[in-house]
Amino acid sequence: MNRIEKISVARVVSDLIKADSVIDSREMQLFRIVKSSFGLNKDCMCDARFITFADAVNNLSCLEKNERENLMALFRDITLADGMCNKDEALLMIALMYCLEDDETDASMLHVQVPQQGLQLKNSQVIYVESQFDEDINEVITTNHHQIENAMRLAGFDFAYIPQISKTYKETPSKLFHEVLTFLTPNLNPGELEQIHNQISSMTTIQFCKEQLNGKLHLPGMTDTYPALLVKVGETVSENSIFANFLKVDIEGDVLEEIKHFIYKFTSMMNAEYSIIKNVYNDSERFIYSGVYKQIMDLCLMKENTKSTILIDPMKLIIRFPEINEELKVGRSEKALYVLILAESMTGGLNLNQPTTALQMEIHNARMERLMNKYSEIYKCFGGNPNNAPNITDYTIRNPKISKINSCITKLEKKLTFPEEYKIQRDCNGFYKIAVDNSLVYCIDRDMKPWMQSEDWRRIVSM
């Protein structure tokens, strides 16, 4: 097991132990076994704080089948160590079951930084998503919507089918709709109120995925997704940021069978009492502002916050910001340094601090050699000779390159939202970091994909 995979195990185990807010001696006993079995040292545990549960599960999904089976047995033991499995634990386990166990279903994990605008993303919603209209699936959901909704409610979930939500708001009297929106957001002018009314009462699933999930939440893959069920399974707190972890389960056959399968997986893990979602009573004199309706309405009212992805394209030897149609116009050595710090930021940052003792210096030198090997490999990706890669462990070489990178990004300030997040900065510990969320980093590897889904980049990052 490589370093990234060990860190991923540490992240998953940590989240499972903390999920029910109670940590008992049996869980600590299992934790000691995990540390011993997988060689999880203090550095692994510290680095695990800087990756999300979603990233950890995606990393572990690439292991061999027997390794995944062994891990799942361990994860079940930890979850049931106290004899109980509540909803938060079951949500984490259903994500693990889909991604590590179920080879017949195409499932993946996504994560997104929770916006700081008062929007609260709930674990109890299951959203149907698609980027192209699937007539057969939509017809089945429309015909059986009431039964699907009831089955989800009994399992403790709110089922969000956007056409049904749009229909409900379309049938709400216009006067009532405008009065409530004026109450909720008094800063909106009449033109903006009418625009939101028209938008939410005619919204399709495709528009919701593109404009809301992708455009506002920056949830990756929502503009190019098969019909799927999307459910939030928990949150990861990393330094001062909170990330929501989502499970996406593609629907490749009978949508009703897939929904039954999803509910069965969840309820089969639950052995603690779970709450039934109450049915929302609706009539023409009521404006529904609870449950999934509140989530969708709040999201539509939230101002758009456009961030650009970072696209690493070794074939063209460039790093691009596609949404603003700009490049990082620096040399190959600076591009390689930028990518190295992006990689190290996933596990706390690039630590080049000089130690004070001889023993620490020996460890430091070994780490510097590993970093230079990784940097040389990235330098090679941008067309350089790895044997001639500049020594970025030398601050007289490194600092001018960082200044050049940050100066280039400063020139993009008028186009780039939150440009400071794209710059290389040092934290209070002296670690070099790039604050942009890892879910926004993509690469070209035959086609465009999240860079941690590329075998080549995963190999380089884990060096």
Protein backbone atom coordinates (compact mmCIF):
# COMPACT_ATOMS: atom_id res chain seq x y z
CA MET A 1 0.00 0.00 0.00
CA ASN A 2 1.47 3.37 -1.00
CA ARG A 3 1.50 6.52 1.12
CA ILE A 4 -1.65 8.05 -0.42
CA GLU A 5 -3.60 4.83 0.19
CA LYS A 6 -2.43 4.65 3.81
CA ILE A 7 -3.52 8.25 4.36
CA SER A 8 -6.88 7.36 2.77
CA VAL A 9 -7.37 4.43 5.17
CA ALA A 10 -6.60 6.76 8.08
CA ARG A 11 -9.19 9.30 6.84
CA VAL A 12 -11.96 6.70 6.43
CA VAL A 13 -11.27 5.03 9.79
CA SER A 14 -11.21 8.40 11.53
CA ASP A 15 -14.54 9.44 10.01
CA LEU A 16 -16.21 6.11 10.87
CA ILE A 17 -15.06 6.29 14.50
CA LYS A 18 -16.24 9.89 14.91
CA ALA A 19 -19.51 9.53 12.96
CA ASP A 20 -21.75 8.74 15.95
CA SER A 21 -20.08 11.39 18.19
CA VAL A 22 -19.17 8.67 20.71
CA ILE A 23 -15.72 7.04 20.84
CA ASP A 24 -15.50 3.91 22.98
CA SER A 25 -12.70 1.56 24.04
CA ARG A 26 -13.61 -1.12 21.46
CA GLU A 27 -13.18 1.43 18.64
CA MET A 28 -9.81 2.50 20.07
CA GLN A 29 -8.76 -1.14 20.25
CA LEU A 30 -9.63 -1.61 16.56
CA PHE A 31 -7.86 1.65 15.76
CA ARG A 32 -4.64 0.33 17.32
CA ILE A 33 -4.94 -2.79 15.15
CA VAL A 34 -5.45 -0.64 12.04
CA LYS A 35 -2.37 1.48 12.80
CA SER A 36 -0.25 -1.62 13.32
CA SER A 37 -1.61 -3.54 10.30
CA PHE A 38 -1.22 -0.71 7.79
CA GLY A 39 1.80 1.03 9.29
CA LEU A 40 -0.06 4.27 9.94
CA ASN A 41 2.47 6.54 11.62
CA LYS A 42 1.93 10.01 13.05
CA ASP A 43 2.61 11.65 9.67
CA CYS A 44 -0.13 9.57 8.01
CA MET A 45 -2.63 10.52 10.69
CA CYS A 46 -1.70 14.20 10.42
CA ASP A 47 -1.87 14.18 6.62
CA ALA A 48 -5.28 12.46 6.72
CA ARG A 49 -6.73 15.68 8.12
CA PHE A 50 -6.10 17.40 4.81
CA ILE A 51 -7.97 15.07 2.45
CA THR A 52 -11.71 14.57 2.25
CA PHE A 53 -13.63 11.36 2.83
CA ALA A 54 -14.61 11.50 -0.86
CA ASP A 55 -10.99 11.62 -2.02
CA ALA A 56 -10.07 8.82 0.39
CA VAL A 57 -12.80 6.50 -0.92
CA ASN A 58 -11.92 7.21 -4.56
CA ASN A 59 -8.27 6.43 -3.80
CA LEU A 60 -9.16 3.11 -2.13
CA SER A 61 -11.53 2.12 -4.95
CA CYS A 62 -8.45 1.58 -7.16
CA LEU A 63 -7.10 -1.21 -4.93
CA GLU A 64 -7.28 -4.87 -5.92
CA LYS A 65 -10.55 -6.65 -5.10
CA ASN A 66 -9.13 -8.76 -2.24
CA GLU A 67 -7.63 -5.63 -0.63
CA ARG A 68 -10.98 -3.86 -0.87
CA GLU A 69 -12.77 -6.86 0.64
CA ASN A 70 -10.38 -6.91 3.60
CA LEU A 71 -10.86 -3.18 4.12
CA MET A 72 -14.66 -3.48 4.02
CA ALA A 73 -14.60 -6.21 6.69
CA LEU A 74 -12.50 -3.88 8.83
CA PHE A 75 -14.77 -0.88 8.21
CA ARG A 76 -17.85 -2.92 9.20
CA ASP A 77 -16.16 -4.03 12.42
CA ILE A 78 -15.38 -0.41 13.31
CA THR A 79 -18.90 0.78 12.47
CA LEU A 80 -20.55 -1.93 14.58
CA ALA A 81 -17.94 -1.87 17.38
CA ASP A 82 -20.48 -0.44 19.83
CA GLY A 83 -23.28 -2.67 18.56
CA MET A 84 -25.13 0.20 16.88
CA CYS A 85 -25.16 1.87 13.47
CA ASN A 86 -26.90 5.23 13.25
CA LYS A 87 -27.77 7.24 10.15
CA ASP A 88 -24.48 9.14 9.89
CA GLU A 89 -22.50 5.89 10.11
CA ALA A 90 -24.82 4.15 7.63
CA LEU A 91 -24.38 6.97 5.10
CA LEU A 92 -20.61 6.58 5.21
CA MET A 93 -20.95 2.81 4.92
CA ILE A 94 -23.32 2.97 1.95
CA ALA A 95 -20.72 5.08 0.13
CA LEU A 96 -18.04 2.52 0.96
CA MET A 97 -20.26 -0.39 -0.11
CA TYR A 98 -21.03 1.19 -3.48
CA CYS A 99 -17.45 2.28 -4.25
CA LEU A 100 -15.42 -0.60 -2.78
CA GLU A 101 -17.77 -3.59 -2.92
CA ASP A 102 -20.37 -3.20 -5.66
CA ASP A 103 -18.59 -3.98 -8.96
CA GLU A 104 -21.88 -4.06 -10.88
CA THR A 105 -22.81 -0.42 -10.19
CA ASP A 106 -20.83 2.58 -11.40
CA ALA A 107 -20.50 4.80 -8.33
CA SER A 108 -18.07 7.55 -7.37
CA MET A 109 -17.47 10.10 -4.65
CA LEU A 110 -17.46 13.88 -5.15
CA HIS A 111 -16.74 16.70 -2.76
CA VAL A 112 -17.29 20.43 -2.73
CA GLN A 113 -16.45 23.23 -0.34
CA VAL A 114 -19.55 24.26 1.61
CA PRO A 115 -20.42 27.85 0.62
CA GLN A 116 -20.20 30.49 3.33
CA GLN A 117 -23.55 32.07 2.41
CA GLY A 118 -25.86 30.41 4.89
CA LEU A 119 -26.76 27.45 2.65
CA GLN A 120 -26.99 24.29 4.74
CA LEU A 121 -26.55 21.11 2.71
CA LYS A 122 -28.46 18.26 4.36
CA ASN A 123 -27.68 14.53 4.45
CA SER A 124 -31.33 13.57 4.06
CA GLN A 125 -31.79 14.48 0.36
CA VAL A 126 -31.45 12.12 -2.59
CA ILE A 127 -31.37 14.12 -5.83
CA TYR A 128 -31.97 12.73 -9.31
CA VAL A 129 -29.35 14.25 -11.68
CA GLU A 130 -28.67 14.03 -15.42
CA SER A 131 -26.90 16.16 -18.03
CA GLN A 132 -28.93 14.82 -20.97
CA PHE A 133 -32.64 14.08 -20.86
CA ASP A 134 -33.36 10.36 -20.53
CA GLU A 135 -36.95 9.91 -21.67
CA ASP A 136 -37.44 6.39 -20.30
CA ILE A 137 -36.10 7.11 -16.80
CA ASN A 138 -37.99 10.38 -16.50
CA GLU A 139 -41.22 8.71 -17.57
CA VAL A 140 -40.80 5.99 -14.92
CA ILE A 141 -40.02 8.57 -12.19
CA THR A 142 -42.94 10.78 -13.20
CA THR A 143 -45.37 7.85 -13.24
CA ASN A 144 -44.14 6.44 -9.92
CA HIS A 145 -43.11 9.65 -8.17
CA HIS A 146 -45.53 9.30 -5.26
CA GLN A 147 -44.41 5.72 -4.51
CA ILE A 148 -40.71 6.64 -4.81
CA GLU A 149 -41.19 9.63 -2.53
CA ASN A 150 -42.98 7.53 0.11
CA ALA A 151 -40.35 4.75 0.00
CA MET A 152 -37.57 7.31 0.43
CA ARG A 153 -39.40 9.04 3.28
CA LEU A 154 -39.84 5.74 5.16
CA ALA A 155 -36.07 5.18 4.86
CA GLY A 156 -35.39 8.71 6.17
CA PHE A 157 -34.69 10.49 2.87
CA ASP A 158 -36.23 13.37 0.92
CA PHE A 159 -36.39 12.54 -2.81
CA ALA A 160 -35.64 15.56 -5.00
CA TYR A 161 -37.00 15.33 -8.53
CA ILE A 162 -36.56 18.80 -10.04
CA PRO A 163 -39.49 18.74 -12.51
CA GLN A 164 -41.87 17.95 -9.63
CA ILE A 165 -40.45 20.78 -7.50
CA SER A 166 -40.73 23.19 -10.43
CA LYS A 167 -44.31 22.10 -11.01
CA THR A 168 -45.19 22.76 -7.37
CA TYR A 169 -43.78 26.28 -7.46
CA LYS A 170 -45.41 26.95 -10.83
CA GLU A 171 -48.79 26.13 -9.26
CA THR A 172 -48.12 28.48 -6.33
CA PRO A 173 -50.10 31.74 -6.80
CA SER A 174 -47.81 34.42 -8.24
CA LYS A 175 -48.77 36.97 -5.59
CA LEU A 176 -47.96 34.57 -2.74
CA PHE A 177 -44.69 33.55 -4.39
CA HIS A 178 -43.54 37.18 -4.74
CA GLU A 179 -44.59 38.08 -1.18
CA VAL A 180 -42.65 35.16 0.30
CA LEU A 181 -39.53 35.85 -1.80
CA THR A 182 -39.65 39.53 -0.78
CA PHE A 183 -39.82 38.36 2.86
CA LEU A 184 -36.93 35.90 2.43
CA THR A 185 -34.68 38.22 0.37
CA PRO A 186 -35.80 41.83 0.82
CA ASN A 187 -32.78 43.12 -1.14
CA LEU A 188 -34.13 41.77 -4.46
CA ASN A 189 -35.74 44.24 -6.86
CA PRO A 190 -39.00 43.37 -8.74
CA GLY A 191 -37.07 42.37 -11.88
CA GLU A 192 -34.87 39.92 -9.93
CA LEU A 193 -37.93 38.48 -8.15
CA GLU A 194 -39.63 37.82 -11.48
CA GLN A 195 -36.46 36.27 -12.89
CA ILE A 196 -36.16 33.83 -9.95
CA HIS A 197 -39.88 33.02 -10.17
CA ASN A 198 -39.57 32.17 -13.86
CA GLN A 199 -36.35 30.25 -13.30
CA ILE A 200 -37.52 27.98 -10.47
CA SER A 201 -40.99 27.34 -11.89
CA SER A 202 -39.61 26.11 -15.23
CA MET A 203 -36.31 24.55 -14.17
CA THR A 204 -35.31 21.19 -15.64
CA THR A 205 -32.95 18.67 -14.08
CA ILE A 206 -30.34 19.50 -16.72
CA GLN A 207 -30.53 23.22 -15.93
CA PHE A 208 -30.36 22.52 -12.20
CA CYS A 209 -27.21 20.40 -12.63
CA LYS A 210 -25.52 22.99 -14.85
CA GLU A 211 -26.58 26.26 -13.23
CA GLN A 212 -26.96 25.33 -9.57
CA LEU A 213 -24.88 22.24 -8.72
CA ASN A 214 -22.06 23.07 -11.12
CA GLY A 215 -22.38 26.85 -11.50
CA LYS A 216 -22.88 27.74 -7.84
CA LEU A 217 -21.67 24.81 -5.77
CA HIS A 218 -18.91 23.85 -8.25
CA LEU A 219 -19.80 20.19 -7.82
CA PRO A 220 -17.61 18.44 -10.42
CA GLY A 221 -19.02 16.33 -13.24
CA MET A 222 -22.53 17.77 -13.16
CA THR A 223 -22.39 19.04 -16.75
CA ASP A 224 -21.51 15.59 -18.07
CA THR A 225 -23.21 12.94 -15.97
CA TYR A 226 -25.26 9.86 -16.68
CA PRO A 227 -28.67 9.70 -14.98
CA ALA A 228 -27.79 9.15 -11.33
CA LEU A 229 -28.80 9.42 -7.69
CA LEU A 230 -26.81 12.02 -5.75
CA VAL A 231 -26.74 11.98 -1.94
CA LYS A 232 -24.60 13.83 0.59
CA VAL A 233 -23.03 11.32 2.99
CA GLY A 234 -21.22 13.64 5.39
CA GLU A 235 -18.72 16.46 5.79
CA THR A 236 -14.97 16.80 6.15
CA VAL A 237 -13.48 19.63 8.21
CA SER A 238 -10.03 20.62 6.92
CA GLU A 239 -8.35 23.55 8.65
CA ASN A 240 -10.88 26.41 8.35
CA SER A 241 -12.92 24.89 5.50
CA ILE A 242 -15.83 22.46 5.47
CA PHE A 243 -16.29 20.08 2.54
CA ALA A 244 -19.49 18.19 1.72
CA ASN A 245 -18.96 14.60 0.50
CA PHE A 246 -21.41 13.26 -2.07
CA LEU A 247 -22.05 9.75 -3.37
CA LYS A 248 -23.16 9.56 -7.02
CA VAL A 249 -24.73 6.29 -8.14
CA ASP A 250 -25.24 5.97 -11.90
CA ILE A 251 -28.53 4.47 -13.09
CA GLU A 252 -27.74 2.01 -15.86
CA GLY A 253 -30.87 -0.14 -15.84
CA ASP A 254 -34.25 -0.10 -14.16
CA VAL A 255 -34.48 3.10 -12.11
CA LEU A 256 -37.00 1.57 -9.67
CA GLU A 257 -34.70 -1.39 -9.02
CA GLU A 258 -31.76 0.97 -8.48
CA ILE A 259 -33.77 2.96 -5.94
CA LYS A 260 -34.82 -0.26 -4.15
CA HIS A 261 -31.18 -1.37 -4.16
CA PHE A 262 -30.10 1.97 -2.67
CA ILE A 263 -32.74 1.85 0.08
CA TYR A 264 -31.91 -1.79 0.87
CA LYS A 265 -28.18 -1.07 1.22
CA PHE A 266 -28.91 1.79 3.59
CA THR A 267 -31.52 0.07 5.75
CA SER A 268 -29.47 -3.14 5.91
CA MET A 269 -26.74 -1.22 7.75
CA MET A 270 -29.09 0.61 10.11
CA ASN A 271 -29.80 -1.07 13.43
CA ALA A 272 -30.56 2.13 15.31
CA GLU A 273 -33.84 4.00 15.22
CA TYR A 274 -34.07 6.36 12.28
CA SER A 275 -36.49 9.21 11.61
CA ILE A 276 -39.13 9.12 8.92
CA ILE A 277 -39.25 12.27 6.82
CA LYS A 278 -42.66 13.87 7.20
CA ASN A 279 -44.81 14.36 4.14
CA VAL A 280 -45.25 18.00 3.11
CA TYR A 281 -48.88 19.02 2.82
CA ASN A 282 -49.39 21.23 -0.20
CA ASP A 283 -52.24 23.38 -1.44
CA SER A 284 -52.67 26.59 -3.39
CA GLU A 285 -52.52 28.78 -0.28
CA ARG A 286 -49.21 27.41 0.99
CA PHE A 287 -45.63 28.21 -0.03
CA ILE A 288 -43.51 25.15 0.68
CA TYR A 289 -40.25 26.14 2.38
CA SER A 290 -39.03 23.02 4.14
CA GLY A 291 -36.99 19.91 3.40
CA VAL A 292 -35.78 19.51 -0.14
CA TYR A 293 -37.92 22.46 -1.31
CA LYS A 294 -36.03 24.77 1.05
CA GLN A 295 -32.70 23.40 -0.16
CA ILE A 296 -33.53 24.02 -3.82
CA MET A 297 -34.99 27.47 -3.13
CA ASP A 298 -31.99 28.55 -1.02
CA LEU A 299 -29.64 27.35 -3.74
CA CYS A 300 -31.52 29.31 -6.42
CA LEU A 301 -31.44 32.44 -4.23
CA MET A 302 -27.71 32.09 -3.57
CA LYS A 303 -25.55 34.41 -5.65
CA GLU A 304 -23.35 32.74 -8.22
CA ASN A 305 -19.71 32.47 -7.30
CA THR A 306 -17.77 31.56 -10.42
CA LYS A 307 -14.48 29.78 -9.82
CA SER A 308 -12.25 28.45 -12.54
CA THR A 309 -10.95 24.93 -12.66
CA ILE A 310 -7.21 24.33 -13.08
CA LEU A 311 -6.51 22.20 -16.16
CA ILE A 312 -3.10 20.49 -16.33
CA ASP A 313 -2.39 19.66 -19.98
CA PRO A 314 1.07 18.03 -20.37
CA MET A 315 0.36 17.24 -24.04
CA LYS A 316 0.32 20.98 -24.79
CA LEU A 317 2.78 21.72 -21.94
CA ILE A 318 0.38 24.22 -20.38
CA ILE A 319 -1.73 24.90 -17.28
CA ARG A 320 -5.05 26.56 -18.11
CA PHE A 321 -7.94 28.23 -16.30
CA PRO A 322 -10.68 27.18 -18.77
CA GLU A 323 -13.59 29.21 -17.38
CA ILE A 324 -11.73 32.49 -17.89
CA ASN A 325 -9.85 31.32 -21.01
CA GLU A 326 -6.41 32.08 -19.60
CA GLU A 327 -3.10 30.23 -19.08
CA LEU A 328 -0.49 30.25 -16.35
CA LYS A 329 2.11 32.01 -18.52
CA VAL A 330 5.33 30.96 -16.82
CA GLY A 331 8.20 28.60 -17.67
CA ARG A 332 8.15 24.81 -17.33
CA SER A 333 10.05 24.90 -14.03
CA GLU A 334 7.43 27.22 -12.51
CA LYS A 335 4.58 25.10 -13.89
CA ALA A 336 6.14 21.99 -12.37
CA LEU A 337 6.54 23.76 -9.02
CA TYR A 338 2.89 24.89 -9.13
CA VAL A 339 1.70 21.31 -9.75
CA LEU A 340 4.02 19.97 -7.02
CA ILE A 341 2.52 22.36 -4.47
CA LEU A 342 -1.00 21.50 -5.66
CA ALA A 343 -0.17 17.85 -4.93
CA GLU A 344 1.45 18.55 -1.54
CA SER A 345 -1.47 20.80 -0.54
CA MET A 346 -3.71 17.72 -0.44
CA THR A 347 -1.74 16.47 2.56
CA GLY A 348 -1.02 19.68 4.45
CA GLY A 349 1.39 21.55 2.20
CA LEU A 350 4.99 21.54 0.98
CA ASN A 351 7.23 21.38 4.05
CA LEU A 352 10.77 22.64 3.33
CA ASN A 353 11.56 23.80 6.87
CA GLN A 354 15.11 23.15 8.03
CA PRO A 355 15.37 20.95 11.17
CA THR A 356 17.54 21.73 14.19
CA THR A 357 19.08 18.36 15.12
CA ALA A 358 21.35 15.94 13.25
CA LEU A 359 18.82 13.10 13.44
CA GLN A 360 16.07 15.31 12.07
CA MET A 361 18.41 16.50 9.33
CA GLU A 362 18.88 12.93 8.10
CA ILE A 363 15.09 12.48 7.84
CA HIS A 364 14.78 15.94 6.24
CA ASN A 365 17.37 15.12 3.58
CA ALA A 366 15.55 11.88 2.69
CA ARG A 367 12.30 13.83 2.35
CA MET A 368 13.99 16.48 0.18
CA GLU A 369 15.31 13.74 -2.09
CA ARG A 370 11.79 12.31 -2.42
CA LEU A 371 10.38 15.77 -3.21
CA MET A 372 13.06 16.41 -5.84
CA ASN A 373 12.29 13.05 -7.47
CA LYS A 374 8.62 13.99 -7.60
CA TYR A 375 9.40 17.49 -8.89
CA SER A 376 11.72 16.07 -11.57
CA GLU A 377 8.97 13.71 -12.75
CA ILE A 378 6.50 16.62 -13.00
CA TYR A 379 9.18 18.73 -14.74
CA LYS A 380 9.51 15.91 -17.29
CA CYS A 381 5.72 16.06 -17.91
CA PHE A 382 6.17 19.66 -19.08
CA GLY A 383 8.90 18.75 -21.54
CA GLY A 384 11.99 19.17 -19.35
CA ASN A 385 14.94 16.86 -18.82
CA PRO A 386 14.43 15.40 -15.31
CA ASN A 387 18.21 15.28 -14.79
CA ASN A 388 18.35 19.05 -15.29
CA ALA A 389 15.41 19.99 -13.06
CA PRO A 390 16.28 23.03 -10.88
CA ASN A 391 16.80 22.40 -7.17
CA ILE A 392 13.61 23.82 -5.67
CA THR A 393 14.75 22.88 -2.15
CA ASP A 394 17.14 25.87 -2.43
CA TYR A 395 15.20 28.99 -1.46
CA THR A 396 17.32 31.22 -3.72
CA ILE A 397 16.01 29.19 -6.68
CA ARG A 398 12.53 28.51 -5.31
CA ASN A 399 11.46 31.98 -4.13
CA PRO A 400 11.87 33.79 -7.48
CA LYS A 401 9.79 31.08 -9.14
CA ILE A 402 7.00 31.46 -6.57
CA SER A 403 7.08 35.25 -7.07
CA LYS A 404 6.81 34.79 -10.84
CA ILE A 405 3.82 32.41 -10.46
CA ASN A 406 1.99 34.71 -8.04
CA SER A 407 2.71 37.73 -10.21
CA CYS A 408 1.14 35.93 -13.19
CA ILE A 409 -1.99 35.09 -11.18
CA THR A 410 -2.21 38.69 -9.93
CA LYS A 411 -2.58 39.79 -13.56
CA LEU A 412 -5.70 37.59 -13.76
CA GLU A 413 -7.40 39.21 -10.73
CA LYS A 414 -10.07 40.96 -12.80
CA LYS A 415 -11.12 37.65 -14.35
CA LEU A 416 -10.40 35.11 -11.60
CA THR A 417 -12.76 34.83 -8.63
CA PHE A 418 -10.84 34.61 -5.32
CA PRO A 419 -7.40 34.84 -6.99
CA GLU A 420 -5.68 34.52 -3.59
CA GLU A 421 -6.84 30.89 -3.46
CA TYR A 422 -4.88 30.17 -6.65
CA LYS A 423 -1.63 31.73 -5.39
CA ILE A 424 1.18 29.93 -3.56
CA GLN A 425 1.16 31.02 0.06
CA ARG A 426 2.87 30.00 3.31
CA ASP A 427 0.83 29.09 6.38
CA CYS A 428 1.69 29.66 10.04
CA ASN A 429 3.88 26.52 10.02
CA GLY A 430 5.87 27.70 7.02
CA PHE A 431 4.29 25.14 4.66
CA TYR A 432 3.71 26.19 1.03
CA LYS A 433 0.07 25.72 -0.04
CA ILE A 434 -2.43 26.49 -2.78
CA ALA A 435 -5.84 26.92 -1.14
CA VAL A 436 -7.98 26.08 -4.18
CA ASP A 437 -10.16 23.00 -3.62
CA ASN A 438 -8.69 19.82 -5.13
CA SER A 439 -12.06 19.07 -6.81
CA LEU A 440 -11.32 21.98 -9.19
CA VAL A 441 -8.06 20.44 -10.46
CA TYR A 442 -8.37 18.52 -13.75
CA CYS A 443 -5.95 17.04 -16.25
CA ILE A 444 -5.87 15.90 -19.86
CA ASP A 445 -5.26 12.14 -19.88
CA ARG A 446 -6.67 11.05 -23.24
CA ASP A 447 -9.71 13.08 -22.14
CA MET A 448 -10.45 15.67 -19.46
CA LYS A 449 -10.90 14.20 -15.97
CA PRO A 450 -10.26 15.04 -12.29
CA TRP A 451 -6.51 14.68 -11.98
CA MET A 452 -6.69 12.15 -9.14
CA GLN A 453 -8.61 9.83 -11.48
CA SER A 454 -5.54 9.69 -13.74
CA GLU A 455 -3.27 6.71 -13.05
CA ASP A 456 -0.21 8.69 -14.16
CA TRP A 457 -0.88 11.61 -11.83
CA ARG A 458 -1.86 9.32 -8.94
CA ARG A 459 1.48 7.54 -9.36
CA ILE A 460 3.43 10.80 -9.38
CA VAL A 461 1.57 12.30 -6.41
CA SER A 462 2.15 9.17 -4.31
CA MET A 463 5.94 9.16 -4.96
